[in-house]
């Protein structure tokens, strides 16, 4: 990738502010997987004032339900799912859990973008259809909670140089609405 920025998790406000829509990144560190069922459970815990089973402060959620690993592999295919299903929950996680990055595919609602601006959060697009390639960037995987959700359980992933694109930055600049942004 040309003009690619390497970034490490966890992210600070200052680090998020350096990222602009259209920037290609290679992300490394610990990320957690979560789809809509897990998001709902996390937000229910927040509403009850209870502690979350994972620390999202400065962290990233990847909207994925990974496929089972083949023998000898860390993880199966791990392609992004459509992000709008998490739109009802994402602002809550930014405000109450310190979420700084989300990874998925597709545009986000105005309420999510507004929350991203308020809480200095970034949304990365992962390339759909590249699930097997993305899986090669995942160096470790373990289920950390909600095993009953099967592939939608929350997994702790260690990633090295996961190729992503800043789709929506913390200023609200949005590649889905302004594809000419470079």
N, C-alpha and C. Protein backbone atom coordinates (compact mmCIF):
# COMPACT_ATOMS: atom_id res chain seq x y z
N UNK A 1 0.85 -1.20 0.00
CA UNK A 1 0.00 0.00 0.00
C UNK A 1 0.88 1.24 0.00
N UNK A 2 0.58 2.19 -0.84
CA UNK A 2 1.36 3.42 -0.78
C UNK A 2 0.65 4.42 0.12
N UNK A 3 1.43 5.31 0.72
CA UNK A 3 0.92 6.27 1.69
C UNK A 3 0.18 5.58 2.83
N UNK A 4 0.77 4.55 3.33
CA UNK A 4 0.17 3.76 4.40
C UNK A 4 0.78 4.16 5.73
N UNK A 5 -0.09 4.26 6.75
CA UNK A 5 0.33 4.60 8.10
C UNK A 5 0.19 3.36 8.97
N UNK A 6 1.23 3.06 9.74
CA UNK A 6 1.14 1.97 10.70
C UNK A 6 0.64 2.54 12.02
N UNK A 7 -0.36 1.89 12.62
CA UNK A 7 -0.87 2.34 13.91
C UNK A 7 -0.99 1.14 14.85
N UNK A 8 -0.81 1.47 16.13
CA UNK A 8 -0.86 0.45 17.19
C UNK A 8 -2.01 0.76 18.13
N UNK A 9 -2.65 -0.27 18.61
CA UNK A 9 -3.68 -0.14 19.63
C UNK A 9 -3.05 -0.31 21.00
N UNK A 10 -3.61 0.31 22.04
CA UNK A 10 -4.81 1.14 22.07
C UNK A 10 -4.55 2.53 21.47
N UNK A 11 -5.64 3.19 21.10
CA UNK A 11 -5.58 4.51 20.48
C UNK A 11 -5.93 5.60 21.49
N UNK A 12 -5.20 6.69 21.41
CA UNK A 12 -5.52 7.89 22.20
C UNK A 12 -6.32 8.84 21.32
N UNK A 13 -6.91 9.87 21.94
CA UNK A 13 -7.59 10.91 21.16
C UNK A 13 -6.62 11.51 20.15
N UNK A 14 -5.39 11.79 20.59
CA UNK A 14 -4.40 12.41 19.70
C UNK A 14 -4.10 11.52 18.49
N UNK A 15 -4.00 10.22 18.70
CA UNK A 15 -3.74 9.31 17.59
C UNK A 15 -4.91 9.28 16.61
N UNK A 16 -6.13 9.26 17.14
CA UNK A 16 -7.32 9.25 16.29
C UNK A 16 -7.38 10.54 15.46
N UNK A 17 -7.01 11.66 16.07
CA UNK A 17 -7.05 12.94 15.37
C UNK A 17 -6.08 13.01 14.20
N UNK A 18 -5.04 12.18 14.18
CA UNK A 18 -4.08 12.20 13.07
C UNK A 18 -4.60 11.45 11.84
N UNK A 19 -5.67 10.70 12.00
CA UNK A 19 -6.19 9.87 10.91
C UNK A 19 -7.26 10.63 10.13
N UNK A 20 -7.12 10.61 8.82
CA UNK A 20 -8.08 11.30 7.95
C UNK A 20 -8.74 10.30 7.00
N UNK A 21 -9.99 10.59 6.66
CA UNK A 21 -10.70 9.75 5.70
C UNK A 21 -9.84 9.59 4.44
N UNK A 22 -9.75 8.38 3.96
CA UNK A 22 -8.95 8.07 2.79
C UNK A 22 -7.57 7.53 3.10
N UNK A 23 -7.14 7.63 4.36
CA UNK A 23 -5.82 7.13 4.75
C UNK A 23 -5.84 5.60 4.83
N UNK A 24 -4.84 4.99 4.24
CA UNK A 24 -4.67 3.55 4.36
C UNK A 24 -3.84 3.28 5.61
N UNK A 25 -4.26 2.28 6.39
CA UNK A 25 -3.54 1.97 7.62
C UNK A 25 -3.23 0.48 7.69
N UNK A 26 -2.20 0.18 8.46
CA UNK A 26 -1.89 -1.18 8.86
C UNK A 26 -2.03 -1.19 10.38
N UNK A 27 -3.04 -1.86 10.87
CA UNK A 27 -3.39 -1.86 12.29
C UNK A 27 -2.78 -3.06 12.99
N UNK A 28 -2.16 -2.82 14.14
CA UNK A 28 -1.60 -3.90 14.96
C UNK A 28 -2.02 -3.73 16.40
N UNK A 29 -2.17 -4.85 17.09
CA UNK A 29 -2.53 -4.83 18.50
C UNK A 29 -3.68 -5.78 18.77
N UNK A 30 -4.37 -5.55 19.88
CA UNK A 30 -5.50 -6.38 20.28
C UNK A 30 -6.80 -5.71 19.86
N UNK A 31 -7.65 -6.47 19.18
CA UNK A 31 -9.00 -6.01 18.84
C UNK A 31 -9.98 -7.07 19.33
N UNK A 32 -11.22 -6.66 19.50
CA UNK A 32 -12.27 -7.60 19.90
C UNK A 32 -13.30 -7.67 18.80
N UNK A 33 -13.86 -8.88 18.61
CA UNK A 33 -14.93 -9.05 17.65
C UNK A 33 -16.25 -8.85 18.36
N UNK A 34 -17.22 -8.31 17.64
CA UNK A 34 -18.57 -8.20 18.20
C UNK A 34 -19.53 -7.87 17.07
N UNK A 35 -20.61 -8.62 17.04
CA UNK A 35 -21.71 -8.31 16.13
C UNK A 35 -22.90 -7.85 16.96
N UNK A 36 -24.06 -7.75 16.35
CA UNK A 36 -25.19 -7.11 17.02
C UNK A 36 -25.63 -7.78 18.32
N UNK A 37 -25.65 -9.10 18.40
CA UNK A 37 -26.08 -9.76 19.64
C UNK A 37 -25.13 -9.44 20.80
N UNK A 38 -23.82 -9.45 20.53
CA UNK A 38 -22.84 -9.12 21.57
C UNK A 38 -22.93 -7.63 21.93
N UNK A 39 -23.12 -6.77 20.94
CA UNK A 39 -23.28 -5.33 21.21
C UNK A 39 -24.46 -5.10 22.16
N UNK A 40 -25.56 -5.78 21.88
CA UNK A 40 -26.75 -5.63 22.73
C UNK A 40 -26.42 -6.00 24.17
N UNK A 41 -25.73 -7.11 24.37
CA UNK A 41 -25.38 -7.54 25.73
C UNK A 41 -24.46 -6.54 26.42
N UNK A 42 -23.47 -6.02 25.68
CA UNK A 42 -22.56 -5.03 26.27
C UNK A 42 -23.33 -3.79 26.72
N UNK A 43 -24.23 -3.33 25.86
CA UNK A 43 -25.00 -2.12 26.20
C UNK A 43 -25.98 -2.37 27.35
N UNK A 44 -26.50 -3.58 27.48
CA UNK A 44 -27.35 -3.91 28.62
C UNK A 44 -26.54 -3.84 29.92
N UNK A 45 -25.29 -4.31 29.89
CA UNK A 45 -24.44 -4.21 31.07
C UNK A 45 -24.18 -2.75 31.44
N UNK A 46 -23.91 -1.93 30.43
CA UNK A 46 -23.69 -0.49 30.68
C UNK A 46 -24.93 0.12 31.31
N UNK A 47 -26.11 -0.22 30.78
CA UNK A 47 -27.37 0.34 31.31
C UNK A 47 -27.58 -0.06 32.77
N UNK A 48 -27.10 -1.23 33.16
CA UNK A 48 -27.23 -1.70 34.54
C UNK A 48 -26.10 -1.18 35.44
N UNK A 49 -25.13 -0.47 34.84
CA UNK A 49 -24.00 0.03 35.61
C UNK A 49 -22.99 -1.04 35.95
N UNK A 50 -23.00 -2.13 35.22
CA UNK A 50 -22.09 -3.24 35.48
C UNK A 50 -20.83 -3.13 34.62
N UNK A 51 -19.78 -3.80 35.05
CA UNK A 51 -18.50 -3.79 34.33
C UNK A 51 -18.60 -4.66 33.08
N UNK A 52 -17.97 -4.22 32.01
CA UNK A 52 -17.94 -5.01 30.78
C UNK A 52 -16.93 -6.15 30.91
N UNK A 53 -17.15 -7.25 30.19
CA UNK A 53 -16.22 -8.39 30.26
C UNK A 53 -14.93 -8.15 29.47
N UNK A 54 -14.87 -7.07 28.71
CA UNK A 54 -13.67 -6.70 27.95
C UNK A 54 -13.40 -5.22 28.13
N UNK A 55 -12.14 -4.83 28.06
CA UNK A 55 -11.77 -3.43 28.20
C UNK A 55 -11.70 -2.79 26.82
N UNK A 56 -12.65 -1.92 26.51
CA UNK A 56 -12.71 -1.26 25.20
C UNK A 56 -12.08 0.12 25.21
N UNK A 57 -11.58 0.58 26.36
CA UNK A 57 -11.02 1.92 26.45
C UNK A 57 -9.80 2.05 25.52
N UNK A 58 -9.92 2.91 24.50
CA UNK A 58 -8.86 3.07 23.51
C UNK A 58 -8.81 1.96 22.49
N UNK A 59 -9.78 1.06 22.57
CA UNK A 59 -9.76 -0.14 21.76
C UNK A 59 -10.59 -0.09 20.50
N UNK A 60 -10.61 -1.24 19.83
CA UNK A 60 -11.31 -1.38 18.55
C UNK A 60 -12.21 -2.61 18.58
N UNK A 61 -13.38 -2.47 17.98
CA UNK A 61 -14.28 -3.59 17.75
C UNK A 61 -14.32 -3.89 16.26
N UNK A 62 -14.16 -5.16 15.94
CA UNK A 62 -14.24 -5.62 14.56
C UNK A 62 -15.57 -6.34 14.40
N UNK A 63 -16.39 -5.87 13.48
CA UNK A 63 -17.71 -6.44 13.25
C UNK A 63 -17.56 -7.67 12.36
N UNK A 64 -17.37 -8.81 13.01
CA UNK A 64 -17.09 -10.06 12.29
C UNK A 64 -17.57 -11.24 13.13
N UNK A 65 -17.99 -12.28 12.46
CA UNK A 65 -18.25 -13.57 13.08
C UNK A 65 -17.31 -14.55 12.42
N UNK A 66 -16.11 -14.74 12.98
CA UNK A 66 -15.10 -15.55 12.29
C UNK A 66 -15.53 -16.99 12.08
N UNK A 67 -15.10 -17.53 10.96
CA UNK A 67 -15.35 -18.94 10.67
C UNK A 67 -14.41 -19.80 11.52
N UNK A 68 -14.81 -21.05 11.78
CA UNK A 68 -13.93 -21.93 12.55
C UNK A 68 -12.57 -22.10 11.86
N UNK A 69 -11.56 -22.24 12.69
CA UNK A 69 -10.19 -22.41 12.17
C UNK A 69 -10.01 -23.83 11.62
N UNK A 70 -9.29 -23.93 10.53
CA UNK A 70 -8.88 -25.23 10.01
C UNK A 70 -7.74 -25.73 10.88
N UNK A 71 -7.48 -27.02 10.90
CA UNK A 71 -6.37 -27.53 11.72
C UNK A 71 -5.07 -26.79 11.43
N UNK A 72 -4.42 -26.34 12.50
CA UNK A 72 -3.16 -25.62 12.39
C UNK A 72 -3.29 -24.13 12.16
N UNK A 73 -4.51 -23.66 11.92
CA UNK A 73 -4.72 -22.23 11.68
C UNK A 73 -5.19 -21.55 12.96
N UNK A 74 -4.92 -20.26 13.08
CA UNK A 74 -5.34 -19.47 14.24
C UNK A 74 -6.84 -19.20 14.18
N UNK A 75 -7.35 -18.96 12.98
CA UNK A 75 -8.74 -18.55 12.78
C UNK A 75 -9.13 -18.92 11.36
N UNK A 76 -10.43 -19.06 11.12
CA UNK A 76 -10.92 -19.26 9.76
C UNK A 76 -11.08 -17.91 9.08
N UNK A 77 -11.81 -17.89 8.00
CA UNK A 77 -12.07 -16.63 7.30
C UNK A 77 -12.66 -15.62 8.27
N UNK A 78 -12.23 -14.36 8.14
CA UNK A 78 -12.64 -13.32 9.10
C UNK A 78 -12.94 -12.02 8.38
N UNK A 79 -13.95 -12.07 7.52
CA UNK A 79 -14.33 -10.88 6.76
C UNK A 79 -15.34 -10.02 7.51
N UNK A 80 -15.37 -8.73 7.21
CA UNK A 80 -16.25 -7.79 7.92
C UNK A 80 -17.72 -8.03 7.61
N UNK A 81 -18.56 -7.72 8.58
CA UNK A 81 -20.00 -7.75 8.36
C UNK A 81 -20.49 -6.31 8.20
N UNK A 82 -21.69 -6.15 7.71
CA UNK A 82 -22.28 -4.84 7.49
C UNK A 82 -22.49 -4.14 8.83
N UNK A 83 -21.97 -2.93 8.92
CA UNK A 83 -21.87 -2.22 10.20
C UNK A 83 -23.15 -1.57 10.69
N UNK A 84 -24.07 -1.24 9.81
CA UNK A 84 -25.24 -0.47 10.25
C UNK A 84 -26.04 -1.20 11.33
N UNK A 85 -25.92 -2.53 11.41
CA UNK A 85 -26.66 -3.27 12.44
C UNK A 85 -26.18 -2.92 13.85
N UNK A 86 -24.98 -2.34 13.96
CA UNK A 86 -24.45 -1.96 15.27
C UNK A 86 -24.70 -0.49 15.59
N UNK A 87 -25.36 0.23 14.69
CA UNK A 87 -25.54 1.68 14.85
C UNK A 87 -26.29 2.08 16.12
N UNK A 88 -27.22 1.26 16.58
CA UNK A 88 -27.96 1.60 17.80
C UNK A 88 -27.07 1.51 19.04
N UNK A 89 -25.99 0.73 18.95
CA UNK A 89 -25.15 0.45 20.11
C UNK A 89 -23.82 1.22 20.12
N UNK A 90 -23.30 1.53 18.96
CA UNK A 90 -21.97 2.14 18.87
C UNK A 90 -21.82 3.43 19.67
N UNK A 91 -22.77 4.38 19.60
CA UNK A 91 -22.59 5.61 20.40
C UNK A 91 -22.50 5.34 21.90
N UNK A 92 -23.22 4.34 22.39
CA UNK A 92 -23.19 4.00 23.81
C UNK A 92 -21.79 3.50 24.19
N UNK A 93 -21.22 2.66 23.35
CA UNK A 93 -19.89 2.11 23.63
C UNK A 93 -18.81 3.17 23.54
N UNK A 94 -18.97 4.14 22.65
CA UNK A 94 -18.00 5.24 22.58
C UNK A 94 -18.07 6.07 23.87
N UNK A 95 -19.29 6.42 24.27
CA UNK A 95 -19.46 7.31 25.43
C UNK A 95 -19.12 6.64 26.75
N UNK A 96 -19.54 5.42 26.94
CA UNK A 96 -19.43 4.78 28.26
C UNK A 96 -18.28 3.78 28.40
N UNK A 97 -17.72 3.33 27.26
CA UNK A 97 -16.65 2.33 27.35
C UNK A 97 -15.34 2.81 26.74
N UNK A 98 -15.33 4.00 26.14
CA UNK A 98 -14.09 4.54 25.58
C UNK A 98 -13.68 3.95 24.25
N UNK A 99 -14.61 3.34 23.51
CA UNK A 99 -14.32 2.76 22.20
C UNK A 99 -13.76 3.84 21.28
N UNK A 100 -12.62 3.55 20.62
CA UNK A 100 -11.96 4.53 19.76
C UNK A 100 -11.95 4.15 18.29
N UNK A 101 -12.24 2.87 17.97
CA UNK A 101 -12.21 2.45 16.57
C UNK A 101 -13.20 1.33 16.34
N UNK A 102 -13.79 1.35 15.16
CA UNK A 102 -14.69 0.30 14.71
C UNK A 102 -14.22 -0.15 13.33
N UNK A 103 -14.37 -1.44 13.06
CA UNK A 103 -13.94 -2.00 11.79
C UNK A 103 -15.11 -2.78 11.21
N UNK A 104 -15.47 -2.46 9.98
CA UNK A 104 -16.57 -3.18 9.33
C UNK A 104 -16.64 -2.83 7.87
N UNK A 105 -17.86 -2.92 7.33
CA UNK A 105 -18.06 -2.50 5.94
C UNK A 105 -19.39 -1.77 5.85
N UNK A 106 -19.47 -0.82 4.95
CA UNK A 106 -20.68 -0.06 4.73
C UNK A 106 -20.72 1.22 5.55
N UNK A 107 -21.61 2.12 5.14
CA UNK A 107 -21.73 3.43 5.76
C UNK A 107 -22.34 3.33 7.16
N UNK A 108 -22.22 4.39 7.92
CA UNK A 108 -22.78 4.49 9.27
C UNK A 108 -23.81 5.60 9.30
N UNK A 109 -24.70 5.54 10.27
CA UNK A 109 -25.77 6.53 10.40
C UNK A 109 -25.23 7.87 10.90
N UNK A 110 -26.03 8.90 10.73
CA UNK A 110 -25.66 10.23 11.22
C UNK A 110 -25.43 10.22 12.72
N UNK A 111 -26.24 9.48 13.48
CA UNK A 111 -26.06 9.45 14.94
C UNK A 111 -24.72 8.83 15.32
N UNK A 112 -24.26 7.85 14.57
CA UNK A 112 -22.95 7.24 14.85
C UNK A 112 -21.84 8.23 14.49
N UNK A 113 -21.95 8.87 13.33
CA UNK A 113 -20.92 9.84 12.93
C UNK A 113 -20.87 10.99 13.91
N UNK A 114 -22.02 11.48 14.36
CA UNK A 114 -22.04 12.55 15.37
C UNK A 114 -21.35 12.11 16.65
N UNK A 115 -21.59 10.87 17.08
CA UNK A 115 -20.94 10.34 18.28
C UNK A 115 -19.44 10.20 18.06
N UNK A 116 -19.03 9.81 16.85
CA UNK A 116 -17.60 9.70 16.54
C UNK A 116 -16.91 11.05 16.67
N UNK A 117 -17.58 12.10 16.24
CA UNK A 117 -17.02 13.45 16.34
C UNK A 117 -16.90 13.84 17.82
N UNK A 118 -17.97 13.61 18.59
CA UNK A 118 -17.98 13.97 20.03
C UNK A 118 -16.92 13.21 20.82
N UNK A 119 -16.74 11.94 20.51
CA UNK A 119 -15.88 11.07 21.33
C UNK A 119 -14.56 10.70 20.68
N UNK A 120 -14.24 11.34 19.55
CA UNK A 120 -12.97 11.11 18.85
C UNK A 120 -12.77 9.62 18.57
N UNK A 121 -13.60 9.13 17.67
CA UNK A 121 -13.56 7.72 17.27
C UNK A 121 -13.40 7.67 15.76
N UNK A 122 -12.84 6.58 15.25
CA UNK A 122 -12.61 6.40 13.83
C UNK A 122 -13.27 5.11 13.37
N UNK A 123 -13.73 5.12 12.12
CA UNK A 123 -14.34 3.93 11.53
C UNK A 123 -13.48 3.49 10.36
N UNK A 124 -12.98 2.26 10.46
CA UNK A 124 -12.16 1.69 9.40
C UNK A 124 -13.01 0.75 8.54
N UNK A 125 -12.80 0.81 7.24
CA UNK A 125 -13.42 -0.14 6.34
C UNK A 125 -12.42 -1.26 6.08
N UNK A 126 -12.89 -2.49 6.24
CA UNK A 126 -12.11 -3.66 5.85
C UNK A 126 -12.71 -4.13 4.53
N UNK A 127 -11.89 -4.66 3.69
CA UNK A 127 -12.34 -5.06 2.36
C UNK A 127 -13.19 -6.32 2.45
N UNK A 128 -14.46 -6.19 2.05
CA UNK A 128 -15.33 -7.34 1.98
C UNK A 128 -14.84 -8.28 0.89
N UNK A 129 -15.05 -9.58 1.08
CA UNK A 129 -14.60 -10.56 0.10
C UNK A 129 -13.15 -10.96 0.26
N UNK A 130 -12.46 -10.38 1.24
CA UNK A 130 -11.04 -10.68 1.45
C UNK A 130 -10.85 -11.40 2.79
N UNK A 131 -11.87 -12.17 3.20
CA UNK A 131 -11.86 -12.78 4.52
C UNK A 131 -10.66 -13.67 4.77
N UNK A 132 -10.27 -14.45 3.78
CA UNK A 132 -9.13 -15.35 3.95
C UNK A 132 -7.83 -14.55 4.07
N UNK A 133 -7.72 -13.45 3.33
CA UNK A 133 -6.52 -12.62 3.41
C UNK A 133 -6.43 -11.90 4.75
N UNK A 134 -7.57 -11.39 5.23
CA UNK A 134 -7.58 -10.72 6.53
C UNK A 134 -7.17 -11.69 7.63
N UNK A 135 -7.64 -12.93 7.52
CA UNK A 135 -7.32 -13.94 8.54
C UNK A 135 -5.81 -14.13 8.69
N UNK A 136 -5.05 -13.88 7.62
CA UNK A 136 -3.59 -14.04 7.69
C UNK A 136 -2.94 -12.98 8.58
N UNK A 137 -3.64 -11.87 8.85
CA UNK A 137 -3.12 -10.80 9.72
C UNK A 137 -3.41 -11.07 11.19
N UNK A 138 -4.21 -12.09 11.47
CA UNK A 138 -4.60 -12.40 12.84
C UNK A 138 -3.64 -13.45 13.38
N UNK A 139 -2.90 -13.07 14.42
CA UNK A 139 -1.86 -13.95 14.94
C UNK A 139 -2.30 -14.75 16.16
N UNK A 140 -3.42 -14.35 16.79
CA UNK A 140 -3.95 -15.10 17.93
C UNK A 140 -5.44 -14.83 18.03
N UNK A 141 -6.17 -15.84 18.51
CA UNK A 141 -7.63 -15.72 18.64
C UNK A 141 -8.10 -16.57 19.80
N UNK A 142 -8.94 -15.97 20.66
CA UNK A 142 -9.57 -16.75 21.73
C UNK A 142 -10.92 -16.15 22.05
N UNK A 143 -11.89 -17.01 22.35
CA UNK A 143 -13.21 -16.54 22.78
C UNK A 143 -13.06 -16.04 24.21
N UNK A 144 -13.55 -14.80 24.48
CA UNK A 144 -13.43 -14.24 25.82
C UNK A 144 -14.77 -14.15 26.56
N UNK A 145 -15.87 -14.13 25.82
CA UNK A 145 -17.17 -14.12 26.48
C UNK A 145 -18.29 -14.39 25.48
N UNK A 146 -19.46 -14.72 26.03
CA UNK A 146 -20.67 -14.99 25.26
C UNK A 146 -20.51 -16.18 24.31
N UNK A 147 -19.89 -17.26 24.81
CA UNK A 147 -19.69 -18.47 24.00
C UNK A 147 -20.99 -18.99 23.42
N UNK A 148 -22.11 -18.77 24.11
CA UNK A 148 -23.40 -19.26 23.63
C UNK A 148 -23.82 -18.63 22.30
N UNK A 149 -23.17 -17.55 21.91
CA UNK A 149 -23.48 -16.90 20.63
C UNK A 149 -22.75 -17.55 19.45
N UNK A 150 -21.97 -18.58 19.71
CA UNK A 150 -21.26 -19.27 18.63
C UNK A 150 -20.28 -18.33 17.95
N UNK A 151 -20.34 -18.24 16.60
CA UNK A 151 -19.39 -17.37 15.91
C UNK A 151 -19.55 -15.89 16.25
N UNK A 152 -20.70 -15.53 16.87
CA UNK A 152 -20.90 -14.14 17.27
C UNK A 152 -20.43 -13.86 18.69
N UNK A 153 -19.80 -14.85 19.33
CA UNK A 153 -19.19 -14.62 20.64
C UNK A 153 -18.13 -13.53 20.50
N UNK A 154 -17.76 -12.92 21.60
CA UNK A 154 -16.68 -11.93 21.53
C UNK A 154 -15.34 -12.67 21.59
N UNK A 155 -14.54 -12.43 20.57
CA UNK A 155 -13.20 -13.02 20.47
C UNK A 155 -12.16 -11.93 20.71
N UNK A 156 -11.06 -12.29 21.32
CA UNK A 156 -9.90 -11.40 21.45
C UNK A 156 -8.94 -11.80 20.34
N UNK A 157 -8.66 -10.86 19.44
CA UNK A 157 -7.76 -11.10 18.33
C UNK A 157 -6.50 -10.28 18.50
N UNK A 158 -5.39 -10.86 18.19
CA UNK A 158 -4.14 -10.11 18.04
C UNK A 158 -3.89 -10.00 16.56
N UNK A 159 -3.75 -8.75 16.08
CA UNK A 159 -3.55 -8.52 14.65
C UNK A 159 -2.20 -7.86 14.41
N UNK A 160 -1.64 -8.15 13.27
CA UNK A 160 -0.37 -7.55 12.85
C UNK A 160 -0.55 -7.05 11.44
N UNK A 161 -0.44 -5.72 11.29
CA UNK A 161 -0.53 -5.08 9.97
C UNK A 161 -1.81 -5.43 9.21
N UNK A 162 -2.94 -5.33 9.90
CA UNK A 162 -4.24 -5.57 9.26
C UNK A 162 -4.53 -4.39 8.33
N UNK A 163 -4.70 -4.65 7.02
CA UNK A 163 -4.89 -3.55 6.07
C UNK A 163 -6.32 -3.01 6.13
N UNK A 164 -6.43 -1.72 6.42
CA UNK A 164 -7.72 -1.06 6.55
C UNK A 164 -7.66 0.31 5.87
N UNK A 165 -8.82 0.90 5.71
CA UNK A 165 -8.95 2.23 5.13
C UNK A 165 -9.79 3.06 6.08
N UNK A 166 -9.35 4.27 6.41
CA UNK A 166 -10.17 5.17 7.23
C UNK A 166 -11.34 5.59 6.35
N UNK A 167 -12.52 5.08 6.68
CA UNK A 167 -13.72 5.40 5.91
C UNK A 167 -14.41 6.64 6.44
N UNK A 168 -14.44 6.79 7.78
CA UNK A 168 -15.02 7.97 8.42
C UNK A 168 -14.08 8.39 9.54
N UNK A 169 -13.60 9.63 9.48
CA UNK A 169 -12.66 10.08 10.51
C UNK A 169 -13.40 10.80 11.63
N UNK A 170 -12.66 11.22 12.65
CA UNK A 170 -13.27 11.82 13.84
C UNK A 170 -13.75 13.25 13.61
N UNK A 171 -13.59 13.75 12.41
CA UNK A 171 -14.14 15.05 12.05
C UNK A 171 -15.42 14.90 11.22
N UNK A 172 -15.80 13.64 10.95
CA UNK A 172 -17.01 13.37 10.18
C UNK A 172 -16.80 13.27 8.69
N UNK A 173 -15.54 13.40 8.23
CA UNK A 173 -15.28 13.25 6.79
C UNK A 173 -15.53 11.79 6.42
N UNK A 174 -16.35 11.58 5.37
CA UNK A 174 -16.92 10.27 5.09
C UNK A 174 -16.69 9.88 3.63
N UNK A 175 -15.92 8.83 3.41
CA UNK A 175 -15.65 8.37 2.04
C UNK A 175 -16.91 7.85 1.34
N UNK A 176 -17.86 7.35 2.11
CA UNK A 176 -19.08 6.83 1.50
C UNK A 176 -19.92 7.96 0.91
N UNK A 177 -19.85 9.13 1.51
CA UNK A 177 -20.62 10.27 1.03
C UNK A 177 -19.79 11.18 0.13
N UNK A 178 -18.45 11.15 0.27
CA UNK A 178 -17.55 11.99 -0.51
C UNK A 178 -16.38 11.15 -1.03
N UNK A 179 -16.61 10.30 -2.03
CA UNK A 179 -15.56 9.39 -2.49
C UNK A 179 -14.34 10.10 -3.08
N UNK A 180 -14.45 11.38 -3.36
CA UNK A 180 -13.32 12.12 -3.92
C UNK A 180 -12.27 12.46 -2.87
N UNK A 181 -12.59 12.27 -1.59
CA UNK A 181 -11.61 12.55 -0.52
C UNK A 181 -10.39 11.66 -0.74
N UNK A 182 -9.24 12.25 -0.68
CA UNK A 182 -8.00 11.46 -0.85
C UNK A 182 -7.05 11.79 0.25
